[in-house]
Amino acid sequence: MTTILKRQEDIRDVLAQACARRELLILATPYLRFESSFVALDGNELHVLATMTRDDAVYGLKTSDLKMRFPQGMGFYETSVQMLGLGLHEGRRTVRLSLPKVVQENDQRVAYRVERVGRVEVTFSTPKPDLFTATLLDLSTSGARIHIHQDLPEDSLYPGDRILVSIPLNAEIHIQSGALVRHMQGRRLGLHYQPEPSAELLEPLSRWVFLRREEERERLARRLELAERPESRGSFPELGILLISADPELETALRACLEEIRTLTRLAPTAQALKEALQAKPSLAIFHVGGAGLDERRRLKTLLDIAQRKVPTLLLATEVDGATLFELAGEWKASSAMSWHPGRGAFLQSLVRGMIRRHMDAGEGPLAPQEPGPPGERR
């Protein structure tokens, strides 16, 4: 059964172990993901390595729906956390996180099996003992599946037999273990390690499996994104991303980094133009925030109200400070918000991809609004 940790002593113990081995982790929002690693527990705060820029941390992680995932033992843990700000620990830039209230084991009923293992040659010996070679088909923290290169002699191996297996996965991970034959089908064997891997082997193995699992998540999301493009369905091209702005220079800059995701169409910031464009069911609407004056606020608020229930909305600021932008995003219930300058193209690409994927996962219905907080301060 899935394990759920609720006692703070248990949670602190798991996090302290992860900090001690500088374990890797994934910080994920509904739209973005960042790879990081544990640094230290400091009172009621958790420090993790700041692998992103200050702006990426502030605009990417300041959300009420921030998740943290990391490998632990035979499986993986997942929990909700809050970003408290940026910090410094023993000379390293960190992101400060709240301590989670609940930590849940993920995918523990059956150990996650990695099928994309590359070309790995396995050797094993039968109880006779005879030595054979095989190809690795998949791998988990508890077992493996292999394809033998030749037919086995009659009566040489049965389900339930114990064998010795050697799996040189990479330079760091070489599994040499006893194993129980769980099942046989032709030349295919399903193996369960006995005994379980030692801590010295389990840590890098669990980390390797965890990273392959995260890569598969991204691969599936990307496949969904490509499948959902209008051109892949053979239909007449629809509007992709709307840019509601009077600035043609901004359009040129955004087109350079977003056209590979979806077609970008700039609209005049008027209600009629927006209503007509929304009929084509765009994937995303980007609202240019070029100022924070009252007239600008009223106009943008009116336009967002029109788009809110039909498409995810992103506020993109060029002349507004971060604190004001977060205030407007929260007040207007925008899906997300960020400040723009040409050096932030890669971050905008990732954010837009994530928003579109989430929109598709929700069945092309409106997204639940994010709740941006104020920018984090350095401790």
Protein backbone atom coordinates (compact mmCIF):
# COMPACT_ATOMS: atom_id res chain seq x y z
CA MET A 1 0.00 0.00 0.00
CA THR A 2 1.01 3.61 -0.55
CA THR A 3 2.78 5.14 2.45
CA ILE A 4 1.72 8.59 3.65
CA LEU A 5 3.96 10.40 6.13
CA LYS A 6 2.13 12.87 8.40
CA ARG A 7 4.23 13.01 11.57
CA GLN A 8 6.66 15.93 11.37
CA GLU A 9 9.40 13.79 12.93
CA ASP A 10 9.10 11.25 10.09
CA ILE A 11 9.00 13.95 7.43
CA ARG A 12 12.04 15.75 8.86
CA ASP A 13 13.91 12.45 9.02
CA VAL A 14 13.25 11.70 5.32
CA LEU A 15 14.28 15.24 4.30
CA ALA A 16 17.39 15.12 6.51
CA GLN A 17 18.45 11.86 4.82
CA ALA A 18 17.90 13.43 1.39
CA CYS A 19 19.98 16.48 2.40
CA ALA A 20 22.77 14.27 3.74
CA ARG A 21 23.18 12.51 0.39
CA ARG A 22 22.53 15.72 -1.62
CA GLU A 23 19.67 13.90 -3.36
CA LEU A 24 18.30 15.26 -6.61
CA LEU A 25 14.71 16.50 -6.81
CA ILE A 26 12.20 17.94 -9.23
CA LEU A 27 10.27 21.13 -8.47
CA ALA A 28 7.12 21.15 -10.60
CA THR A 29 4.27 23.61 -11.09
CA PRO A 30 1.27 23.04 -13.36
CA TYR A 31 3.32 24.65 -16.15
CA LEU A 32 7.04 24.28 -15.37
CA ARG A 33 9.59 21.88 -13.90
CA PHE A 34 13.10 22.50 -12.56
CA GLU A 35 15.75 19.94 -11.61
CA SER A 36 17.47 20.73 -8.31
CA SER A 37 19.05 18.99 -5.29
CA PHE A 38 18.68 19.04 -1.52
CA VAL A 39 21.04 21.30 0.44
CA ALA A 40 20.01 21.56 4.11
CA LEU A 41 17.27 21.77 6.71
CA ASP A 42 17.34 25.10 8.55
CA GLY A 43 14.75 25.29 11.32
CA ASN A 44 11.37 25.22 9.61
CA GLU A 45 12.80 25.81 6.14
CA LEU A 46 14.23 23.51 3.51
CA HIS A 47 17.06 24.80 1.31
CA VAL A 48 17.38 23.35 -2.20
CA LEU A 49 19.91 24.36 -4.82
CA ALA A 50 18.93 27.38 -6.95
CA THR A 51 19.56 25.93 -10.41
CA MET A 52 17.48 28.64 -12.07
CA THR A 53 17.87 32.43 -12.30
CA ARG A 54 16.27 34.71 -9.72
CA ASP A 55 13.56 35.74 -12.21
CA ASP A 56 12.83 32.13 -13.14
CA ALA A 57 12.48 31.23 -9.46
CA VAL A 58 10.26 34.20 -8.67
CA TYR A 59 7.97 33.89 -11.68
CA GLY A 60 8.15 30.10 -12.02
CA LEU A 61 7.89 28.85 -8.43
CA LYS A 62 5.66 31.42 -6.74
CA THR A 63 2.46 29.42 -7.00
CA SER A 64 0.08 27.76 -4.59
CA ASP A 65 0.47 24.48 -6.53
CA LEU A 66 4.20 23.75 -6.23
CA LYS A 67 5.16 20.06 -6.00
CA MET A 68 8.43 18.45 -5.03
CA ARG A 69 9.36 14.93 -6.21
CA PHE A 70 12.45 12.94 -5.27
CA PRO A 71 13.73 9.34 -5.11
CA GLN A 72 13.81 7.53 -1.77
CA GLY A 73 14.74 3.89 -1.28
CA MET A 74 12.86 1.62 -3.68
CA GLY A 75 10.48 4.34 -4.89
CA PHE A 76 9.69 8.04 -5.07
CA TYR A 77 8.15 10.65 -2.81
CA GLU A 78 5.92 13.55 -3.78
CA THR A 79 4.70 16.47 -1.66
CA SER A 80 3.34 20.01 -1.84
CA VAL A 81 5.59 22.86 -0.74
CA GLN A 82 5.62 26.65 -0.85
CA MET A 83 8.49 28.83 -2.01
CA LEU A 84 9.46 31.20 0.80
CA GLY A 85 12.09 33.12 -1.15
CA LEU A 86 15.72 32.93 -2.21
CA GLY A 87 18.55 32.27 0.20
CA LEU A 88 22.19 31.44 0.75
CA HIS A 89 23.60 28.40 2.56
CA GLU A 90 27.33 27.81 2.98
CA GLY A 91 28.06 30.00 -0.02
CA ARG A 92 25.52 28.35 -2.34
CA ARG A 93 22.49 30.10 -3.80
CA THR A 94 19.34 28.31 -2.66
CA VAL A 95 15.56 28.35 -2.92
CA ARG A 96 13.91 28.35 0.50
CA LEU A 97 10.88 26.06 0.80
CA SER A 98 8.35 25.46 3.53
CA LEU A 99 8.45 22.08 5.22
CA PRO A 100 5.71 19.83 3.82
CA LYS A 101 2.83 18.76 6.03
CA VAL A 102 2.30 15.46 4.21
CA VAL A 103 4.69 13.36 2.13
CA GLN A 104 3.33 10.56 -0.04
CA GLU A 105 5.05 7.61 -1.65
CA ASN A 106 4.46 7.57 -5.37
CA ASP A 107 4.19 4.50 -7.65
CA GLN A 108 4.98 2.06 -4.86
CA ARG A 109 2.41 -0.66 -5.50
CA VAL A 110 4.54 -1.79 -8.42
CA ALA A 111 8.11 -0.50 -8.83
CA TYR A 112 8.34 1.81 -11.86
CA ARG A 113 9.92 0.01 -14.79
CA VAL A 114 12.15 1.86 -17.24
CA GLU A 115 11.75 0.49 -20.76
CA ARG A 116 14.15 2.87 -22.53
CA VAL A 117 17.33 1.30 -21.17
CA GLY A 118 19.57 1.47 -24.23
CA ARG A 119 21.76 -1.41 -25.35
CA VAL A 120 22.81 -3.33 -22.22
CA GLU A 121 24.16 -6.90 -22.36
CA VAL A 122 23.32 -9.05 -19.34
CA THR A 123 25.00 -12.24 -18.17
CA PHE A 124 23.41 -14.79 -15.82
CA SER A 125 24.09 -18.27 -14.51
CA THR A 126 21.48 -21.01 -14.00
CA PRO A 127 21.40 -23.41 -11.02
CA LYS A 128 23.33 -26.03 -13.09
CA PRO A 129 25.43 -23.69 -13.25
CA ASP A 130 25.64 -22.62 -16.91
CA LEU A 131 26.46 -19.10 -18.12
CA PHE A 132 24.24 -17.31 -20.66
CA THR A 133 23.96 -13.82 -22.16
CA ALA A 134 20.84 -11.72 -22.69
CA THR A 135 19.68 -8.23 -23.59
CA LEU A 136 18.11 -5.96 -20.96
CA LEU A 137 14.46 -5.14 -21.82
CA ASP A 138 13.43 -3.09 -18.78
CA LEU A 139 14.63 -2.32 -15.28
CA SER A 140 13.31 -1.20 -11.91
CA THR A 141 14.65 -0.86 -8.38
CA SER A 142 13.27 -4.33 -7.56
CA GLY A 143 13.87 -6.37 -10.70
CA ALA A 144 14.47 -6.61 -14.43
CA ARG A 145 13.22 -8.26 -17.60
CA ILE A 146 15.70 -9.77 -20.06
CA HIS A 147 15.71 -11.48 -23.48
CA ILE A 148 18.06 -14.46 -23.70
CA HIS A 149 20.24 -14.67 -26.83
CA GLN A 150 19.68 -18.44 -27.32
CA ASP A 151 17.25 -21.17 -26.37
CA LEU A 152 17.98 -22.63 -22.95
CA PRO A 153 18.69 -26.37 -22.62
CA GLU A 154 15.67 -28.39 -21.57
CA ASP A 155 15.04 -28.52 -17.79
CA SER A 156 17.79 -25.97 -17.10
CA LEU A 157 15.58 -23.22 -15.62
CA TYR A 158 12.07 -22.89 -14.16
CA PRO A 159 10.01 -20.10 -12.53
CA GLY A 160 10.96 -19.94 -8.86
CA ASP A 161 14.62 -20.83 -9.49
CA ARG A 162 17.37 -18.64 -8.08
CA ILE A 163 20.06 -17.37 -10.45
CA LEU A 164 22.99 -14.95 -10.39
CA VAL A 165 22.72 -11.96 -12.74
CA SER A 166 25.13 -9.22 -13.83
CA ILE A 167 23.69 -6.01 -15.36
CA PRO A 168 26.33 -3.36 -16.25
CA LEU A 169 23.88 -0.47 -16.64
CA ASN A 170 26.49 2.29 -16.85
CA ALA A 171 29.87 3.32 -15.38
CA GLU A 172 28.28 4.06 -11.99
CA ILE A 173 25.66 1.31 -11.74
CA HIS A 174 26.59 -2.36 -12.10
CA ILE A 175 24.03 -4.75 -10.63
CA GLN A 176 25.54 -8.06 -9.53
CA SER A 177 22.91 -9.89 -7.57
CA GLY A 178 21.03 -13.02 -6.84
CA ALA A 179 17.60 -13.06 -8.46
CA LEU A 180 14.41 -15.08 -8.38
CA VAL A 181 12.89 -16.08 -11.73
CA ARG A 182 9.35 -14.70 -11.48
CA HIS A 183 8.13 -15.75 -14.92
CA MET A 184 9.34 -17.18 -18.22
CA GLN A 185 7.88 -16.64 -21.68
CA GLY A 186 9.94 -18.03 -24.53
CA ARG A 187 13.35 -16.43 -24.23
CA ARG A 188 12.09 -13.71 -21.90
CA LEU A 189 12.71 -13.85 -18.17
CA GLY A 190 11.22 -11.68 -15.43
CA LEU A 191 13.61 -11.34 -12.46
CA HIS A 192 13.23 -10.14 -8.88
CA TYR A 193 16.43 -9.20 -7.05
CA GLN A 194 17.16 -11.35 -3.97
CA PRO A 195 18.45 -9.96 -1.72
CA GLU A 196 17.31 -6.37 -2.27
CA PRO A 197 20.03 -4.01 -3.58
CA SER A 198 22.42 -2.62 -0.95
CA ALA A 199 22.21 1.06 -0.01
CA GLU A 200 25.39 1.76 -2.02
CA LEU A 201 23.71 0.40 -5.15
CA LEU A 202 20.12 1.43 -4.41
CA GLU A 203 20.84 5.18 -4.16
CA PRO A 204 22.27 5.63 -7.69
CA LEU A 205 19.83 3.06 -9.13
CA SER A 206 16.80 4.78 -7.61
CA ARG A 207 18.10 8.13 -8.86
CA TRP A 208 18.59 6.73 -12.38
CA VAL A 209 15.08 5.24 -12.47
CA PHE A 210 13.60 8.48 -11.11
CA LEU A 211 15.23 10.58 -13.85
CA ARG A 212 14.09 8.18 -16.60
CA ARG A 213 10.56 8.40 -15.17
CA GLU A 214 10.65 12.21 -15.31
CA GLU A 215 11.98 12.11 -18.88
CA GLU A 216 9.10 9.82 -19.85
CA ARG A 217 6.60 12.30 -18.37
CA GLU A 218 8.06 15.04 -20.56
CA ARG A 219 8.15 12.78 -23.61
CA LEU A 220 4.47 11.89 -23.26
CA ALA A 221 3.51 15.52 -22.69
CA ARG A 222 5.43 16.55 -25.80
CA ARG A 223 3.76 13.78 -27.81
CA LEU A 224 0.35 15.02 -26.66
CA GLU A 225 1.27 18.57 -27.61
CA LEU A 226 2.27 17.53 -31.14
CA ALA A 227 -0.83 15.35 -31.57
CA GLU A 228 -3.10 18.22 -30.57
CA ARG A 229 -1.72 20.68 -33.11
CA PRO A 230 -4.40 21.53 -35.70
CA GLU A 231 -2.08 20.67 -38.62
CA SER A 232 -1.49 17.16 -37.20
CA ARG A 233 -5.23 16.54 -37.24
CA GLY A 234 -5.52 17.63 -40.85
CA SER A 235 -8.01 20.38 -40.01
CA PHE A 236 -7.92 23.97 -41.19
CA PRO A 237 -5.22 25.84 -39.17
CA GLU A 238 -6.67 27.56 -36.12
CA LEU A 239 -5.27 30.50 -34.23
CA GLY A 240 -2.62 29.26 -31.82
CA ILE A 241 -1.35 31.94 -29.44
CA LEU A 242 -2.97 35.35 -29.22
CA LEU A 243 -0.88 38.38 -28.32
CA ILE A 244 -3.10 41.25 -27.21
CA SER A 245 -0.82 44.22 -27.69
CA ALA A 246 -0.34 47.43 -29.68
CA ASP A 247 3.43 46.88 -29.83
CA PRO A 248 4.68 45.40 -33.15
CA GLU A 249 8.26 45.13 -31.81
CA LEU A 250 7.07 42.85 -29.01
CA GLU A 251 5.27 40.73 -31.59
CA THR A 252 8.51 40.30 -33.55
CA ALA A 253 10.45 39.29 -30.43
CA LEU A 254 7.82 36.78 -29.28
CA ARG A 255 7.36 35.30 -32.71
CA ALA A 256 11.04 34.32 -32.78
CA CYS A 257 10.72 32.13 -29.68
CA LEU A 258 7.09 30.95 -29.83
CA GLU A 259 6.41 30.14 -33.48
CA GLU A 260 7.84 26.61 -33.09
CA ILE A 261 5.13 25.95 -30.49
CA ARG A 262 2.10 27.59 -32.07
CA THR A 263 1.26 30.29 -34.61
CA LEU A 264 1.38 33.74 -32.99
CA THR A 265 -1.30 36.30 -33.90
CA ARG A 266 -1.20 39.85 -32.58
CA LEU A 267 -4.50 41.60 -31.90
CA ALA A 268 -5.27 45.21 -31.25
CA PRO A 269 -6.28 45.51 -27.57
CA THR A 270 -9.98 45.91 -28.28
CA ALA A 271 -12.96 43.88 -27.08
CA GLN A 272 -14.34 43.25 -30.57
CA ALA A 273 -11.04 41.94 -31.96
CA LEU A 274 -10.62 39.63 -28.97
CA LYS A 275 -14.19 38.26 -29.14
CA GLU A 276 -13.76 37.39 -32.83
CA ALA A 277 -10.37 35.75 -32.27
CA LEU A 278 -11.67 33.60 -29.39
CA GLN A 279 -14.15 31.95 -31.76
CA ALA A 280 -11.17 30.16 -33.37
CA LYS A 281 -10.38 28.48 -30.01
CA PRO A 282 -6.77 29.60 -29.48
CA SER A 283 -4.47 27.70 -27.13
CA LEU A 284 -3.34 30.71 -25.10
CA ALA A 285 -3.86 34.48 -24.78
CA ILE A 286 -0.90 36.68 -23.82
CA PHE A 287 -1.85 40.12 -22.53
CA HIS A 288 0.84 42.78 -22.81
CA VAL A 289 1.03 44.90 -19.65
CA GLY A 290 2.84 48.03 -20.85
CA GLY A 291 1.95 50.25 -17.91
CA ALA A 292 0.16 50.35 -14.58
CA GLY A 293 -1.95 53.48 -15.04
CA LEU A 294 -5.64 53.38 -14.16
CA ASP A 295 -6.80 53.56 -17.78
CA GLU A 296 -4.45 50.72 -18.76
CA ARG A 297 -5.64 48.61 -15.83
CA ARG A 298 -9.31 49.10 -16.63
CA ARG A 299 -8.81 48.25 -20.29
CA LEU A 300 -6.81 45.11 -19.59
CA LYS A 301 -9.21 43.96 -16.86
CA THR A 302 -12.11 44.22 -19.31
CA LEU A 303 -10.23 42.18 -21.93
CA LEU A 304 -9.21 39.52 -19.43
CA ASP A 305 -12.81 39.14 -18.30
CA ILE A 306 -13.75 38.35 -21.90
CA ALA A 307 -11.01 35.72 -22.34
CA GLN A 308 -10.93 34.21 -18.85
CA ARG A 309 -13.46 31.38 -19.31
CA LYS A 310 -12.33 30.37 -22.77
CA VAL A 311 -8.54 30.28 -22.76
CA PRO A 312 -5.60 30.33 -20.29
CA THR A 313 -4.22 33.84 -19.86
CA LEU A 314 -0.65 35.04 -19.38
CA LEU A 315 0.26 38.58 -18.30
CA LEU A 316 3.51 39.68 -19.95
CA ALA A 317 4.92 42.91 -18.50
CA THR A 318 7.48 45.23 -20.09
CA GLU A 319 7.12 48.44 -18.07
CA VAL A 320 5.79 47.14 -14.74
CA ASP A 321 7.75 46.03 -11.67
CA GLY A 322 7.39 42.49 -10.34
CA ALA A 323 5.40 43.36 -7.21
CA THR A 324 2.79 45.28 -9.21
CA LEU A 325 2.60 42.51 -11.81
CA PHE A 326 1.90 39.85 -9.16
CA GLU A 327 -0.71 42.08 -7.59
CA LEU A 328 -2.49 42.50 -10.94
CA ALA A 329 -2.23 38.78 -11.76
CA GLY A 330 -3.81 37.86 -8.44
CA GLU A 331 -6.52 40.50 -8.68
CA TRP A 332 -7.42 39.55 -12.26
CA LYS A 333 -7.03 35.77 -11.70
CA ALA A 334 -4.63 35.39 -14.63
CA SER A 335 -3.30 31.86 -15.16
CA SER A 336 0.29 33.11 -14.89
CA ALA A 337 2.48 36.20 -15.19
CA MET A 338 6.06 37.16 -15.98
CA SER A 339 8.22 40.16 -16.82
CA TRP A 340 9.67 40.17 -20.33
CA HIS A 341 13.05 41.03 -21.75
CA PRO A 342 14.80 39.39 -24.73
CA GLY A 343 17.00 37.22 -22.51
CA ARG A 344 13.95 35.43 -21.09
CA GLY A 345 12.93 33.69 -24.32
CA ALA A 346 13.78 30.16 -23.12
CA PHE A 347 11.80 30.62 -19.91
CA LEU A 348 8.80 32.00 -21.81
CA GLN A 349 8.96 29.01 -24.16
CA SER A 350 8.87 26.56 -21.26
CA LEU A 351 6.06 28.45 -19.53
CA VAL A 352 3.93 28.62 -22.69
CA ARG A 353 4.45 24.92 -23.43
CA GLY A 354 3.39 24.04 -19.90
CA MET A 355 0.29 26.23 -20.01
CA ILE A 356 -0.83 24.76 -23.34
CA ARG A 357 -0.26 21.20 -22.12
CA ARG A 358 -2.25 21.86 -18.97
CA HIS A 359 -5.02 23.41 -21.05
CA MET A 360 -5.18 20.26 -23.21
CA ASP A 361 -5.10 17.97 -20.16
CA ALA A 362 -8.14 19.83 -18.87
CA GLY A 363 -10.01 18.95 -22.05
CA GLU A 364 -9.46 22.40 -23.56
CA GLY A 365 -11.52 23.94 -20.81
CA PRO A 366 -10.47 26.96 -18.73
CA LEU A 367 -7.66 26.52 -16.27
CA ALA A 368 -7.96 27.12 -12.59
CA PRO A 369 -6.22 30.45 -11.96
CA GLN A 370 -2.81 30.58 -10.36
CA GLU A 371 -2.32 32.55 -7.20
CA PRO A 372 0.95 34.45 -7.68
CA GLY A 373 2.59 35.76 -4.53
CA PRO A 374 5.05 38.61 -4.11
CA PRO A 375 8.57 38.13 -5.46
CA GLY A 376 10.90 36.32 -3.06
CA GLU A 377 13.56 38.29 -1.21
CA ARG A 378 17.14 37.22 -0.66
CA ARG A 379 17.77 36.29 2.90
